[in-house]
PDB file of N, CA and C in Angstrom:
ATOM      1  N   MET A   1      -7.058 -15.198 -33.631  1.00  0.00           N
ATOM      2  CA  MET A   1      -8.278 -15.308 -34.394  1.00  0.00           C
ATOM      3  C   MET A   1      -7.973 -14.962 -35.853  1.00  0.00           C
ATOM      4  N   ALA A   2      -8.553 -15.699 -36.756  1.00  0.00           N
ATOM      5  CA  ALA A   2      -8.338 -15.493 -38.192  1.00  0.00           C
ATOM      6  C   ALA A   2      -9.032 -14.217 -38.661  1.00  0.00           C
ATOM      7  N   ARG A   3      -8.426 -13.578 -39.661  1.00  0.00           N
ATOM      8  CA  ARG A   3      -9.005 -12.366 -40.253  1.00  0.00           C
ATOM      9  C   ARG A   3     -10.189 -12.765 -41.131  1.00  0.00           C
ATOM     10  N   VAL A   4     -11.253 -11.989 -41.096  1.00  0.00           N
ATOM     11  CA  VAL A   4     -12.442 -12.239 -41.909  1.00  0.00           C
ATOM     12  C   VAL A   4     -12.097 -11.990 -43.371  1.00  0.00           C
ATOM     13  N   ILE A   5     -12.460 -12.930 -44.238  1.00  0.00           N
ATOM     14  CA  ILE A   5     -12.261 -12.706 -45.671  1.00  0.00           C
ATOM     15  C   ILE A   5     -13.526 -12.073 -46.239  1.00  0.00           C
ATOM     16  N   ALA A   6     -13.353 -11.191 -47.209  1.00  0.00           N
ATOM     17  CA  ALA A   6     -14.485 -10.430 -47.732  1.00  0.00           C
ATOM     18  C   ALA A   6     -15.017 -10.958 -49.056  1.00  0.00           C
ATOM     19  N   THR A   7     -14.212 -11.780 -49.750  1.00  0.00           N
ATOM     20  CA  THR A   7     -14.651 -12.299 -51.047  1.00  0.00           C
ATOM     21  C   THR A   7     -14.601 -13.819 -51.057  1.00  0.00           C
ATOM     22  N   CYS A   8     -15.494 -14.395 -51.809  1.00  0.00           N
ATOM     23  CA  CYS A   8     -15.584 -15.848 -51.929  1.00  0.00           C
ATOM     24  C   CYS A   8     -14.333 -16.389 -52.617  1.00  0.00           C
ATOM     25  N   PRO A   9     -13.676 -17.377 -52.019  1.00  0.00           N
ATOM     26  CA  PRO A   9     -12.481 -17.943 -52.645  1.00  0.00           C
ATOM     27  C   PRO A   9     -12.785 -18.762 -53.901  1.00  0.00           C
ATOM     28  N   VAL A  10     -14.054 -19.114 -54.121  1.00  0.00           N
ATOM     29  CA  VAL A  10     -14.438 -19.902 -55.288  1.00  0.00           C
ATOM     30  C   VAL A  10     -14.797 -19.014 -56.476  1.00  0.00           C
ATOM     31  N   CYS A  11     -15.707 -18.037 -56.250  1.00  0.00           N
ATOM     32  CA  CYS A  11     -16.193 -17.227 -57.378  1.00  0.00           C
ATOM     33  C   CYS A  11     -15.742 -15.766 -57.349  1.00  0.00           C
ATOM     34  N   GLY A  12     -15.213 -15.308 -56.213  1.00  0.00           N
ATOM     35  CA  GLY A  12     -14.725 -13.934 -56.124  1.00  0.00           C
ATOM     36  C   GLY A  12     -15.773 -12.888 -55.778  1.00  0.00           C
ATOM     37  N   ASN A  13     -17.007 -13.307 -55.562  1.00  0.00           N
ATOM     38  CA  ASN A  13     -18.061 -12.354 -55.196  1.00  0.00           C
ATOM     39  C   ASN A  13     -18.002 -12.036 -53.703  1.00  0.00           C
ATOM     40  N   PRO A  14     -18.614 -10.910 -53.288  1.00  0.00           N
ATOM     41  CA  PRO A  14     -18.586 -10.527 -51.871  1.00  0.00           C
ATOM     42  C   PRO A  14     -19.280 -11.563 -50.987  1.00  0.00           C
ATOM     43  N   LEU A  15     -18.726 -11.781 -49.810  1.00  0.00           N
ATOM     44  CA  LEU A  15     -19.329 -12.682 -48.829  1.00  0.00           C
ATOM     45  C   LEU A  15     -20.224 -11.887 -47.883  1.00  0.00           C
ATOM     46  N   THR A  16     -21.205 -12.565 -47.295  1.00  0.00           N
ATOM     47  CA  THR A  16     -22.101 -11.973 -46.312  1.00  0.00           C
ATOM     48  C   THR A  16     -21.982 -12.772 -45.027  1.00  0.00           C
ATOM     49  N   ILE A  17     -21.895 -12.084 -43.904  1.00  0.00           N
ATOM     50  CA  ILE A  17     -21.877 -12.764 -42.605  1.00  0.00           C
ATOM     51  C   ILE A  17     -23.318 -13.125 -42.269  1.00  0.00           C
ATOM     52  N   THR A  18     -23.547 -14.378 -41.873  1.00  0.00           N
ATOM     53  CA  THR A  18     -24.917 -14.817 -41.586  1.00  0.00           C
ATOM     54  C   THR A  18     -25.147 -15.153 -40.119  1.00  0.00           C
ATOM     55  N   GLU A  19     -24.072 -15.181 -39.317  1.00  0.00           N
ATOM     56  CA  GLU A  19     -24.261 -15.520 -37.909  1.00  0.00           C
ATOM     57  C   GLU A  19     -23.215 -14.833 -37.047  1.00  0.00           C
ATOM     58  N   LEU A  20     -23.680 -14.268 -35.937  1.00  0.00           N
ATOM     59  CA  LEU A  20     -22.806 -13.678 -34.928  1.00  0.00           C
ATOM     60  C   LEU A  20     -23.097 -14.386 -33.617  1.00  0.00           C
ATOM     61  N   SER A  21     -22.057 -14.645 -32.832  1.00  0.00           N
ATOM     62  CA  SER A  21     -22.296 -15.323 -31.561  1.00  0.00           C
ATOM     63  C   SER A  21     -21.417 -14.741 -30.461  1.00  0.00           C
ATOM     64  N   CYS A  22     -21.927 -14.821 -29.233  1.00  0.00           N
ATOM     65  CA  CYS A  22     -21.213 -14.339 -28.056  1.00  0.00           C
ATOM     66  C   CYS A  22     -20.528 -15.523 -27.384  1.00  0.00           C
ATOM     67  N   LYS A  23     -19.214 -15.456 -27.232  1.00  0.00           N
ATOM     68  CA  LYS A  23     -18.475 -16.536 -26.575  1.00  0.00           C
ATOM     69  C   LYS A  23     -18.829 -16.640 -25.098  1.00  0.00           C
ATOM     70  N   SER A  24     -19.208 -15.530 -24.500  1.00  0.00           N
ATOM     71  CA  SER A  24     -19.467 -15.498 -23.068  1.00  0.00           C
ATOM     72  C   SER A  24     -20.796 -16.153 -22.693  1.00  0.00           C
ATOM     73  N   CYS A  25     -21.886 -15.721 -23.335  1.00  0.00           N
ATOM     74  CA  CYS A  25     -23.202 -16.223 -22.925  1.00  0.00           C
ATOM     75  C   CYS A  25     -23.852 -17.168 -23.930  1.00  0.00           C
ATOM     76  N   GLY A  26     -23.248 -17.296 -25.118  1.00  0.00           N
ATOM     77  CA  GLY A  26     -23.789 -18.213 -26.109  1.00  0.00           C
ATOM     78  C   GLY A  26     -24.895 -17.640 -26.986  1.00  0.00           C
ATOM     79  N   THR A  27     -25.215 -16.371 -26.834  1.00  0.00           N
ATOM     80  CA  THR A  27     -26.236 -15.753 -27.682  1.00  0.00           C
ATOM     81  C   THR A  27     -25.820 -15.848 -29.145  1.00  0.00           C
ATOM     82  N   VAL A  28     -26.768 -16.207 -30.005  1.00  0.00           N
ATOM     83  CA  VAL A  28     -26.510 -16.308 -31.438  1.00  0.00           C
ATOM     84  C   VAL A  28     -27.502 -15.406 -32.167  1.00  0.00           C
ATOM     85  N   ILE A  29     -26.979 -14.601 -33.079  1.00  0.00           N
ATOM     86  CA  ILE A  29     -27.821 -13.726 -33.896  1.00  0.00           C
ATOM     87  C   ILE A  29     -27.619 -14.132 -35.346  1.00  0.00           C
ATOM     88  N   ARG A  30     -28.722 -14.474 -36.018  1.00  0.00           N
ATOM     89  CA  ARG A  30     -28.645 -14.865 -37.423  1.00  0.00           C
ATOM     90  C   ARG A  30     -29.275 -13.785 -38.295  1.00  0.00           C
ATOM     91  N   GLY A  31     -28.721 -13.615 -39.474  1.00  0.00           N
ATOM     92  CA  GLY A  31     -29.231 -12.623 -40.411  1.00  0.00           C
ATOM     93  C   GLY A  31     -28.233 -12.453 -41.540  1.00  0.00           C
ATOM     94  N   ASN A  32     -28.378 -11.397 -42.291  1.00  0.00           N
ATOM     95  CA  ASN A  32     -27.431 -11.079 -43.362  1.00  0.00           C
ATOM     96  C   ASN A  32     -26.750  -9.766 -43.014  1.00  0.00           C
ATOM     97  N   PHE A  33     -25.467  -9.856 -42.687  1.00  0.00           N
ATOM     98  CA  PHE A  33     -24.692  -8.694 -42.280  1.00  0.00           C
ATOM     99  C   PHE A  33     -23.596  -8.457 -43.313  1.00  0.00           C
ATOM    100  N   GLU A  34     -23.637  -7.289 -43.932  1.00  0.00           N
ATOM    101  CA  GLU A  34     -22.650  -6.984 -44.969  1.00  0.00           C
ATOM    102  C   GLU A  34     -21.376  -6.424 -44.355  1.00  0.00           C
ATOM    103  N   LEU A  35     -20.271  -6.717 -44.995  1.00  0.00           N
ATOM    104  CA  LEU A  35     -18.977  -6.195 -44.575  1.00  0.00           C
ATOM    105  C   LEU A  35     -18.807  -4.788 -45.130  1.00  0.00           C
ATOM    106  N   ASP A  36     -18.202  -3.900 -44.349  1.00  0.00           N
ATOM    107  CA  ASP A  36     -17.989  -2.544 -44.859  1.00  0.00           C
ATOM    108  C   ASP A  36     -16.744  -2.498 -45.744  1.00  0.00           C
ATOM    109  N   GLU A  37     -16.487  -1.328 -46.326  1.00  0.00           N
ATOM    110  CA  GLU A  37     -15.400  -1.180 -47.301  1.00  0.00           C
ATOM    111  C   GLU A  37     -14.014  -1.435 -46.713  1.00  0.00           C
ATOM    112  N   PHE A  38     -13.848  -1.333 -45.404  1.00  0.00           N
ATOM    113  CA  PHE A  38     -12.529  -1.560 -44.810  1.00  0.00           C
ATOM    114  C   PHE A  38     -12.103  -3.026 -44.894  1.00  0.00           C
ATOM    115  N   PHE A  39     -13.061  -3.923 -45.089  1.00  0.00           N
ATOM    116  CA  PHE A  39     -12.714  -5.332 -45.260  1.00  0.00           C
ATOM    117  C   PHE A  39     -12.073  -5.599 -46.615  1.00  0.00           C
ATOM    118  N   ARG A  40     -12.147  -4.620 -47.540  1.00  0.00           N
ATOM    119  CA  ARG A  40     -11.484  -4.751 -48.839  1.00  0.00           C
ATOM    120  C   ARG A  40      -9.975  -4.541 -48.728  1.00  0.00           C
ATOM    121  N   LEU A  41      -9.534  -3.910 -47.644  1.00  0.00           N
ATOM    122  CA  LEU A  41      -8.115  -3.588 -47.492  1.00  0.00           C
ATOM    123  C   LEU A  41      -7.300  -4.828 -47.152  1.00  0.00           C
ATOM    124  N   SER A  42      -6.098  -4.890 -47.715  1.00  0.00           N
ATOM    125  CA  SER A  42      -5.181  -5.989 -47.403  1.00  0.00           C
ATOM    126  C   SER A  42      -4.573  -5.757 -46.020  1.00  0.00           C
ATOM    127  N   VAL A  43      -3.893  -6.757 -45.499  1.00  0.00           N
ATOM    128  CA  VAL A  43      -3.218  -6.629 -44.208  1.00  0.00           C
ATOM    129  C   VAL A  43      -2.195  -5.496 -44.264  1.00  0.00           C
ATOM    130  N   ASP A  44      -1.425  -5.408 -45.350  1.00  0.00           N
ATOM    131  CA  ASP A  44      -0.436  -4.333 -45.499  1.00  0.00           C
ATOM    132  C   ASP A  44      -1.102  -2.960 -45.518  1.00  0.00           C
ATOM    133  N   GLN A  45      -2.227  -2.850 -46.211  1.00  0.00           N
ATOM    134  CA  GLN A  45      -2.937  -1.573 -46.268  1.00  0.00           C
ATOM    135  C   GLN A  45      -3.471  -1.180 -44.889  1.00  0.00           C
ATOM    136  N   LEU A  46      -3.982  -2.148 -44.138  1.00  0.00           N
ATOM    137  CA  LEU A  46      -4.473  -1.859 -42.788  1.00  0.00           C
ATOM    138  C   LEU A  46      -3.339  -1.420 -41.875  1.00  0.00           C
ATOM    139  N   ASN A  47      -2.184  -2.074 -41.994  1.00  0.00           N
ATOM    140  CA  ASN A  47      -1.033  -1.682 -41.179  1.00  0.00           C
ATOM    141  C   ASN A  47      -0.587  -0.266 -41.519  1.00  0.00           C
ATOM    142  N   PHE A  48      -0.553   0.079 -42.816  1.00  0.00           N
ATOM    143  CA  PHE A  48      -0.205   1.438 -43.228  1.00  0.00           C
ATOM    144  C   PHE A  48      -1.210   2.422 -42.633  1.00  0.00           C
ATOM    145  N   LEU A  49      -2.488   2.091 -42.700  1.00  0.00           N
ATOM    146  CA  LEU A  49      -3.534   2.970 -42.184  1.00  0.00           C
ATOM    147  C   LEU A  49      -3.389   3.182 -40.678  1.00  0.00           C
ATOM    148  N   ARG A  50      -3.006   2.140 -39.947  1.00  0.00           N
ATOM    149  CA  ARG A  50      -2.777   2.277 -38.502  1.00  0.00           C
ATOM    150  C   ARG A  50      -1.658   3.279 -38.217  1.00  0.00           C
ATOM    151  N   VAL A  51      -0.558   3.167 -38.970  1.00  0.00           N
ATOM    152  CA  VAL A  51       0.568   4.094 -38.800  1.00  0.00           C
ATOM    153  C   VAL A  51       0.140   5.504 -39.198  1.00  0.00           C
ATOM    154  N   PHE A  52      -0.611   5.622 -40.278  1.00  0.00           N
ATOM    155  CA  PHE A  52      -1.106   6.914 -40.758  1.00  0.00           C
ATOM    156  C   PHE A  52      -1.958   7.597 -39.683  1.00  0.00           C
ATOM    157  N   ILE A  53      -2.849   6.849 -39.067  1.00  0.00           N
ATOM    158  CA  ILE A  53      -3.709   7.400 -38.010  1.00  0.00           C
ATOM    159  C   ILE A  53      -2.878   7.743 -36.777  1.00  0.00           C
ATOM    160  N   LYS A  54      -1.946   6.870 -36.424  1.00  0.00           N
ATOM    161  CA  LYS A  54      -1.068   7.106 -35.269  1.00  0.00           C
ATOM    162  C   LYS A  54      -0.357   8.449 -35.387  1.00  0.00           C
ATOM    163  N   HIS A  55       0.048   8.797 -36.606  1.00  0.00           N
ATOM    164  CA  HIS A  55       0.779  10.046 -36.846  1.00  0.00           C
ATOM    165  C   HIS A  55      -0.137  11.168 -37.337  1.00  0.00           C
ATOM    166  N   ARG A  56      -1.442  10.994 -37.101  1.00  0.00           N
ATOM    167  CA  ARG A  56      -2.439  12.021 -37.423  1.00  0.00           C
ATOM    168  C   ARG A  56      -2.361  12.505 -38.865  1.00  0.00           C
ATOM    169  N   GLY A  57      -2.070  11.585 -39.771  1.00  0.00           N
ATOM    170  CA  GLY A  57      -2.061  11.922 -41.192  1.00  0.00           C
ATOM    171  C   GLY A  57      -0.798  12.593 -41.687  1.00  0.00           C
ATOM    172  N   ASN A  58       0.231  12.660 -40.865  1.00  0.00           N
ATOM    173  CA  ASN A  58       1.487  13.294 -41.267  1.00  0.00           C
ATOM    174  C   ASN A  58       2.316  12.280 -42.058  1.00  0.00           C
ATOM    175  N   LEU A  59       2.312  12.411 -43.382  1.00  0.00           N
ATOM    176  CA  LEU A  59       3.008  11.438 -44.230  1.00  0.00           C
ATOM    177  C   LEU A  59       4.515  11.448 -44.022  1.00  0.00           C
ATOM    178  N   SER A  60       5.078  12.579 -43.629  1.00  0.00           N
ATOM    179  CA  SER A  60       6.519  12.622 -43.355  1.00  0.00           C
ATOM    180  C   SER A  60       6.863  11.698 -42.190  1.00  0.00           C
ATOM    181  N   GLU A  61       6.016  11.687 -41.158  1.00  0.00           N
ATOM    182  CA  GLU A  61       6.234  10.796 -40.012  1.00  0.00           C
ATOM    183  C   GLU A  61       5.968   9.340 -40.395  1.00  0.00           C
ATOM    184  N   VAL A  62       4.967   9.122 -41.229  1.00  0.00           N
ATOM    185  CA  VAL A  62       4.656   7.766 -41.699  1.00  0.00           C
ATOM    186  C   VAL A  62       5.847   7.199 -42.454  1.00  0.00           C
ATOM    187  N   GLN A  63       6.415   7.995 -43.365  1.00  0.00           N
ATOM    188  CA  GLN A  63       7.552   7.525 -44.155  1.00  0.00           C
ATOM    189  C   GLN A  63       8.739   7.195 -43.266  1.00  0.00           C
ATOM    190  N   LYS A  64       8.961   8.005 -42.221  1.00  0.00           N
ATOM    191  CA  LYS A  64      10.077   7.740 -41.305  1.00  0.00           C
ATOM    192  C   LYS A  64       9.876   6.420 -40.568  1.00  0.00           C
ATOM    193  N   GLU A  65       8.671   6.222 -40.035  1.00  0.00           N
ATOM    194  CA  GLU A  65       8.416   4.995 -39.272  1.00  0.00           C
ATOM    195  C   GLU A  65       8.504   3.745 -40.140  1.00  0.00           C
ATOM    196  N   LEU A  66       7.998   3.841 -41.363  1.00  0.00           N
ATOM    197  CA  LEU A  66       7.981   2.664 -42.235  1.00  0.00           C
ATOM    198  C   LEU A  66       9.262   2.502 -43.046  1.00  0.00           C
ATOM    199  N   GLY A  67      10.123   3.521 -43.029  1.00  0.00           N
ATOM    200  CA  GLY A  67      11.376   3.445 -43.781  1.00  0.00           C
ATOM    201  C   GLY A  67      11.161   3.466 -45.284  1.00  0.00           C
ATOM    202  N   ILE A  68      10.204   4.275 -45.726  1.00  0.00           N
ATOM    203  CA  ILE A  68       9.906   4.393 -47.155  1.00  0.00           C
ATOM    204  C   ILE A  68      10.004   5.861 -47.559  1.00  0.00           C
ATOM    205  N   SER A  69      10.082   6.116 -48.853  1.00  0.00           N
ATOM    206  CA  SER A  69      10.152   7.497 -49.330  1.00  0.00           C
ATOM    207  C   SER A  69       8.775   8.151 -49.235  1.00  0.00           C
ATOM    208  N   TYR A  70       8.775   9.473 -49.259  1.00  0.00           N
ATOM    209  CA  TYR A  70       7.513  10.209 -49.220  1.00  0.00           C
ATOM    210  C   TYR A  70       6.610   9.840 -50.401  1.00  0.00           C
ATOM    211  N   PRO A  71       7.136   9.798 -51.640  1.00  0.00           N
ATOM    212  CA  PRO A  71       6.265   9.411 -52.762  1.00  0.00           C
ATOM    213  C   PRO A  71       5.681   8.001 -52.610  1.00  0.00           C
ATOM    214  N   THR A  72       6.448   7.082 -52.021  1.00  0.00           N
ATOM    215  CA  THR A  72       5.938   5.730 -51.788  1.00  0.00           C
ATOM    216  C   THR A  72       4.809   5.766 -50.768  1.00  0.00           C
ATOM    217  N   ALA A  73       4.997   6.539 -49.701  1.00  0.00           N
ATOM    218  CA  ALA A  73       3.944   6.673 -48.689  1.00  0.00           C
ATOM    219  C   ALA A  73       2.682   7.262 -49.314  1.00  0.00           C
ATOM    220  N   ARG A  74       2.862   8.285 -50.135  1.00  0.00           N
ATOM    221  CA  ARG A  74       1.728   8.933 -50.798  1.00  0.00           C
ATOM    222  C   ARG A  74       1.023   7.956 -51.744  1.00  0.00           C
ATOM    223  N   ALA A  75       1.804   7.173 -52.483  1.00  0.00           N
ATOM    224  CA  ALA A  75       1.232   6.198 -53.414  1.00  0.00           C
ATOM    225  C   ALA A  75       0.435   5.130 -52.663  1.00  0.00           C
ATOM    226  N   ARG A  76       0.958   4.688 -51.515  1.00  0.00           N
ATOM    227  CA  ARG A  76       0.229   3.687 -50.723  1.00  0.00           C
ATOM    228  C   ARG A  76      -1.081   4.256 -50.192  1.00  0.00           C
ATOM    229  N   LEU A  77      -1.045   5.507 -49.761  1.00  0.00           N
ATOM    230  CA  LEU A  77      -2.269   6.146 -49.285  1.00  0.00           C
ATOM    231  C   LEU A  77      -3.287   6.264 -50.417  1.00  0.00           C
ATOM    232  N   GLU A  78      -2.834   6.663 -51.588  1.00  0.00           N
ATOM    233  CA  GLU A  78      -3.739   6.783 -52.736  1.00  0.00           C
ATOM    234  C   GLU A  78      -4.318   5.432 -53.127  1.00  0.00           C
ATOM    235  N   ASP A  79      -3.524   4.377 -53.006  1.00  0.00           N
ATOM    236  CA  ASP A  79      -4.013   3.027 -53.289  1.00  0.00           C
ATOM    237  C   ASP A  79      -5.125   2.646 -52.307  1.00  0.00           C
ATOM    238  N   ILE A  80      -4.940   2.992 -51.042  1.00  0.00           N
ATOM    239  CA  ILE A  80      -5.966   2.719 -50.031  1.00  0.00           C
ATOM    240  C   ILE A  80      -7.237   3.503 -50.350  1.00  0.00           C
ATOM    241  N   ILE A  81      -7.073   4.759 -50.725  1.00  0.00           N
ATOM    242  CA  ILE A  81      -8.230   5.596 -51.069  1.00  0.00           C
ATOM    243  C   ILE A  81      -9.017   4.964 -52.215  1.00  0.00           C
ATOM    244  N   ARG A  82      -8.307   4.488 -53.241  1.00  0.00           N
ATOM    245  CA  ARG A  82      -8.979   3.839 -54.381  1.00  0.00           C
ATOM    246  C   ARG A  82      -9.657   2.535 -53.954  1.00  0.00           C
ATOM    247  N   THR A  83      -8.973   1.740 -53.121  1.00  0.00           N
ATOM    248  CA  THR A  83      -9.533   0.472 -52.659  1.00  0.00           C
ATOM    249  C   THR A  83     -10.829   0.694 -51.887  1.00  0.00           C
ATOM    250  N   LEU A  84     -10.906   1.802 -51.157  1.00  0.00           N
ATOM    251  CA  LEU A  84     -12.121   2.120 -50.404  1.00  0.00           C
ATOM    252  C   LEU A  84     -13.237   2.650 -51.300  1.00  0.00           C
ATOM    253  N   GLY A  85     -12.928   2.854 -52.589  1.00  0.00           N
ATOM    254  CA  GLY A  85     -13.953   3.255 -53.547  1.00  0.00           C
ATOM    255  C   GLY A  85     -14.008   4.736 -53.853  1.00  0.00           C
ATOM    256  N   TYR A  86     -12.991   5.478 -53.449  1.00  0.00           N
ATOM    257  CA  TYR A  86     -12.957   6.918 -53.717  1.00  0.00           C
ATOM    258  C   TYR A  86     -11.985   7.215 -54.845  1.00  0.00           C
ATOM    259  N   GLU A  87     -12.186   8.356 -55.498  1.00  0.00           N
ATOM    260  CA  GLU A  87     -11.280   8.767 -56.567  1.00  0.00           C
ATOM    261  C   GLU A  87     -10.172   9.634 -55.992  1.00  0.00           C
ATOM    262  N   VAL A  88      -8.990   9.510 -56.578  1.00  0.00           N
ATOM    263  CA  VAL A  88      -7.849  10.322 -56.176  1.00  0.00           C
ATOM    264  C   VAL A  88      -7.728  11.464 -57.170  1.00  0.00           C
ATOM    265  N   GLU A  89      -7.715  12.679 -56.668  1.00  0.00           N
ATOM    266  CA  GLU A  89      -7.645  13.850 -57.533  1.00  0.00           C
ATOM    267  C   GLU A  89      -6.207  14.139 -57.932  1.00  0.00           C
ATOM    268  N   GLU A  90      -6.026  14.634 -59.141  1.00  0.00           N
ATOM    269  CA  GLU A  90      -4.698  14.966 -59.659  1.00  0.00           C
ATOM    270  C   GLU A  90      -4.054  16.128 -58.912  1.00  0.00           C
ATOM    271  N   GLU A  91      -4.841  16.961 -58.266  1.00  0.00           N
ATOM    272  CA  GLU A  91      -4.323  18.104 -57.518  1.00  0.00           C
ATOM    273  C   GLU A  91      -3.328  17.653 -56.450  1.00  0.00           C
ATOM    274  N   GLU A  92      -3.480  16.415 -55.996  1.00  0.00           N
ATOM    275  CA  GLU A  92      -2.607  15.914 -54.948  1.00  0.00           C
ATOM    276  C   GLU A  92      -1.156  15.832 -55.398  1.00  0.00           C
ATOM    277  N   THR A  93      -0.898  15.654 -56.695  1.00  0.00           N
ATOM    278  CA  THR A  93       0.474  15.626 -57.196  1.00  0.00           C
ATOM    279  C   THR A  93       1.145  16.969 -56.942  1.00  0.00           C
ATOM    280  N   LYS A  94       0.415  18.054 -57.147  1.00  0.00           N
ATOM    281  CA  LYS A  94       0.956  19.390 -56.876  1.00  0.00           C
ATOM    282  C   LYS A  94       1.313  19.514 -55.399  1.00  0.00           C
ATOM    283  N   GLU A  95       0.436  19.021 -54.533  1.00  0.00           N
ATOM    284  CA  GLU A  95       0.698  19.053 -53.095  1.00  0.00           C
ATOM    285  C   GLU A  95       1.942  18.238 -52.756  1.00  0.00           C
ATOM    286  N   ASP A  96       2.120  17.101 -53.421  1.00  0.00           N
ATOM    287  CA  ASP A  96       3.304  16.272 -53.192  1.00  0.00           C
ATOM    288  C   ASP A  96       4.575  17.026 -53.551  1.00  0.00           C
ATOM    289  N   VAL A  97       4.566  17.703 -54.690  1.00  0.00           N
ATOM    290  CA  VAL A  97       5.741  18.467 -55.122  1.00  0.00           C
ATOM    291  C   VAL A  97       6.042  19.560 -54.105  1.00  0.00           C
ATOM    292  N   LEU A  98       5.009  20.244 -53.638  1.00  0.00           N
ATOM    293  CA  LEU A  98       5.209  21.292 -52.637  1.00  0.00           C
ATOM    294  C   LEU A  98       5.778  20.725 -51.339  1.00  0.00           C
ATOM    295  N   GLU A  99       5.325  19.550 -50.951  1.00  0.00           N
ATOM    296  CA  GLU A  99       5.846  18.891 -49.747  1.00  0.00           C
ATOM    297  C   GLU A  99       7.328  18.554 -49.921  1.00  0.00           C
ATOM    298  N   ILE A 100       7.689  18.037 -51.085  1.00  0.00           N
ATOM    299  CA  ILE A 100       9.091  17.709 -51.363  1.00  0.00           C
ATOM    300  C   ILE A 100       9.943  18.972 -51.319  1.00  0.00           C
ATOM    301  N   LEU A 101       9.459  20.042 -51.940  1.00  0.00           N
ATOM    302  CA  LEU A 101      10.202  21.306 -51.940  1.00  0.00           C
ATOM    303  C   LEU A 101      10.327  21.879 -50.532  1.00  0.00           C
ATOM    304  N   ASP A 102       9.308  21.699 -49.719  1.00  0.00           N
ATOM    305  CA  ASP A 102       9.360  22.153 -48.330  1.00  0.00           C
ATOM    306  C   ASP A 102      10.427  21.378 -47.553  1.00  0.00           C
ATOM    307  N   ARG A 103      10.481  20.065 -47.754  1.00  0.00           N
ATOM    308  CA  ARG A 103      11.501  19.242 -47.092  1.00  0.00           C
ATOM    309  C   ARG A 103      12.895  19.629 -47.561  1.00  0.00           C
ATOM    310  N   LEU A 104      13.025  19.968 -48.842  1.00  0.00           N
ATOM    311  CA  LEU A 104      14.306  20.429 -49.381  1.00  0.00           C
ATOM    312  C   LEU A 104      14.701  21.748 -48.724  1.00  0.00           C
ATOM    313  N   ASP A 105      13.747  22.660 -48.613  1.00  0.00           N
ATOM    314  CA  ASP A 105      13.999  23.968 -48.002  1.00  0.00           C
ATOM    315  C   ASP A 105      14.437  23.833 -46.543  1.00  0.00           C
ATOM    316  N   LYS A 106      13.875  22.856 -45.833  1.00  0.00           N
ATOM    317  CA  LYS A 106      14.222  22.635 -44.424  1.00  0.00           C
ATOM    318  C   LYS A 106      15.533  21.869 -44.263  1.00  0.00           C
ATOM    319  N   GLY A 107      16.100  21.419 -45.381  1.00  0.00           N
ATOM    320  CA  GLY A 107      17.347  20.669 -45.318  1.00  0.00           C
ATOM    321  C   GLY A 107      17.177  19.204 -44.955  1.00  0.00           C
ATOM    322  N   GLU A 108      15.939  18.706 -45.007  1.00  0.00           N
ATOM    323  CA  GLU A 108      15.670  17.309 -44.665  1.00  0.00           C
ATOM    324  C   GLU A 108      16.122  16.355 -45.763  1.00  0.00           C
ATOM    325  N   ILE A 109      16.158  16.840 -47.015  1.00  0.00           N
ATOM    326  CA  ILE A 109      16.613  16.020 -48.138  1.00  0.00           C
ATOM    327  C   ILE A 109      17.535  16.852 -49.024  1.00  0.00           C
ATOM    328  N   SER A 110      18.330  16.159 -49.825  1.00  0.00           N
ATOM    329  CA  SER A 110      19.253  16.832 -50.744  1.00  0.00           C
ATOM    330  C   SER A 110      18.529  17.226 -52.031  1.00  0.00           C
ATOM    331  N   VAL A 111      19.190  18.060 -52.819  1.00  0.00           N
ATOM    332  CA  VAL A 111      18.637  18.461 -54.113  1.00  0.00           C
ATOM    333  C   VAL A 111      18.442  17.231 -54.991  1.00  0.00           C
ATOM    334  N   GLU A 112      19.428  16.335 -54.984  1.00  0.00           N
ATOM    335  CA  GLU A 112      19.349  15.123 -55.802  1.00  0.00           C
ATOM    336  C   GLU A 112      18.148  14.263 -55.404  1.00  0.00           C
ATOM    337  N   LYS A 113      17.947  14.128 -54.083  1.00  0.00           N
ATOM    338  CA  LYS A 113      16.820  13.333 -53.586  1.00  0.00           C
ATOM    339  C   LYS A 113      15.492  13.995 -53.978  1.00  0.00           C
ATOM    340  N   ALA A 114      15.422  15.317 -53.901  1.00  0.00           N
ATOM    341  CA  ALA A 114      14.206  16.039 -54.287  1.00  0.00           C
ATOM    342  C   ALA A 114      13.895  15.819 -55.763  1.00  0.00           C
ATOM    343  N   ILE A 115      14.918  15.921 -56.603  1.00  0.00           N
ATOM    344  CA  ILE A 115      14.725  15.704 -58.044  1.00  0.00           C
ATOM    345  C   ILE A 115      14.235  14.283 -58.303  1.00  0.00           C
ATOM    346  N   GLU A 116      14.848  13.320 -57.620  1.00  0.00           N
ATOM    347  CA  GLU A 116      14.461  11.909 -57.782  1.00  0.00           C
ATOM    348  C   GLU A 116      12.992  11.701 -57.394  1.00  0.00           C
ATOM    349  N   GLU A 117      12.582  12.264 -56.260  1.00  0.00           N
ATOM    350  CA  GLU A 117      11.208  12.084 -55.795  1.00  0.00           C
ATOM    351  C   GLU A 117      10.204  12.774 -56.720  1.00  0.00           C
ATOM    352  N   ILE A 118      10.546  13.957 -57.224  1.00  0.00           N
ATOM    353  CA  ILE A 118       9.641  14.663 -58.139  1.00  0.00           C
ATOM    354  C   ILE A 118       9.514  13.900 -59.454  1.00  0.00           C
ATOM    355  N   ARG A 119      10.621  13.374 -59.950  1.00  0.00           N
ATOM    356  CA  ARG A 119      10.559  12.569 -61.188  1.00  0.00           C
ATOM    357  C   ARG A 119       9.687  11.341 -60.995  1.00  0.00           C
ATOM    358  N   ARG A 120       9.796  10.703 -59.847  1.00  0.00           N
ATOM    359  CA  ARG A 120       8.989   9.520 -59.558  1.00  0.00           C
ATOM    360  C   ARG A 120       7.505   9.888 -59.511  1.00  0.00           C
ATOM    361  N   LEU A 121       7.195  11.060 -58.971  1.00  0.00           N
ATOM    362  CA  LEU A 121       5.800  11.523 -58.939  1.00  0.00           C
ATOM    363  C   LEU A 121       5.234  11.726 -60.336  1.00  0.00           C
ATOM    364  N   LYS A 122       6.049  12.260 -61.207  1.00  0.00           N
ATOM    365  CA  LYS A 122       5.610  12.584 -62.566  1.00  0.00           C
ATOM    366  C   LYS A 122       5.452  11.335 -63.431  1.00  0.00           C
ATOM    367  N   GLY A 123       5.945  10.208 -62.909  1.00  0.00           N
ATOM    368  CA  GLY A 123       5.764   8.954 -63.623  1.00  0.00           C
ATOM    369  C   GLY A 123       6.874   8.658 -64.535  1.00  0.00           C
TER     370      GLY A 123
END
């Protein structure tokens, strides 16, 4: 089944669903049904979100499964948060640095890798 598109391919404005139907009994419901904010997410963002939920929000596990760095995982999550219409607070950068330092302390990454990830966070 094709994925529902949320924006008009002609003008770019939001689309509204006007009909729902049951394949089993043929019932048809007509009206104006709006799509929620999750329809704004791309296929890649939805896949990331599935992995994120699977690992109960543990970004270290998400990064391992997806084969990406922790800062990349964090950036993708922040992109999803913005796409859903929420603001990303700057305090999260401090949390990212602490997470990197924790991984360094546990021996999960080298000093060089920690420096690289912190520099990437700082922009």
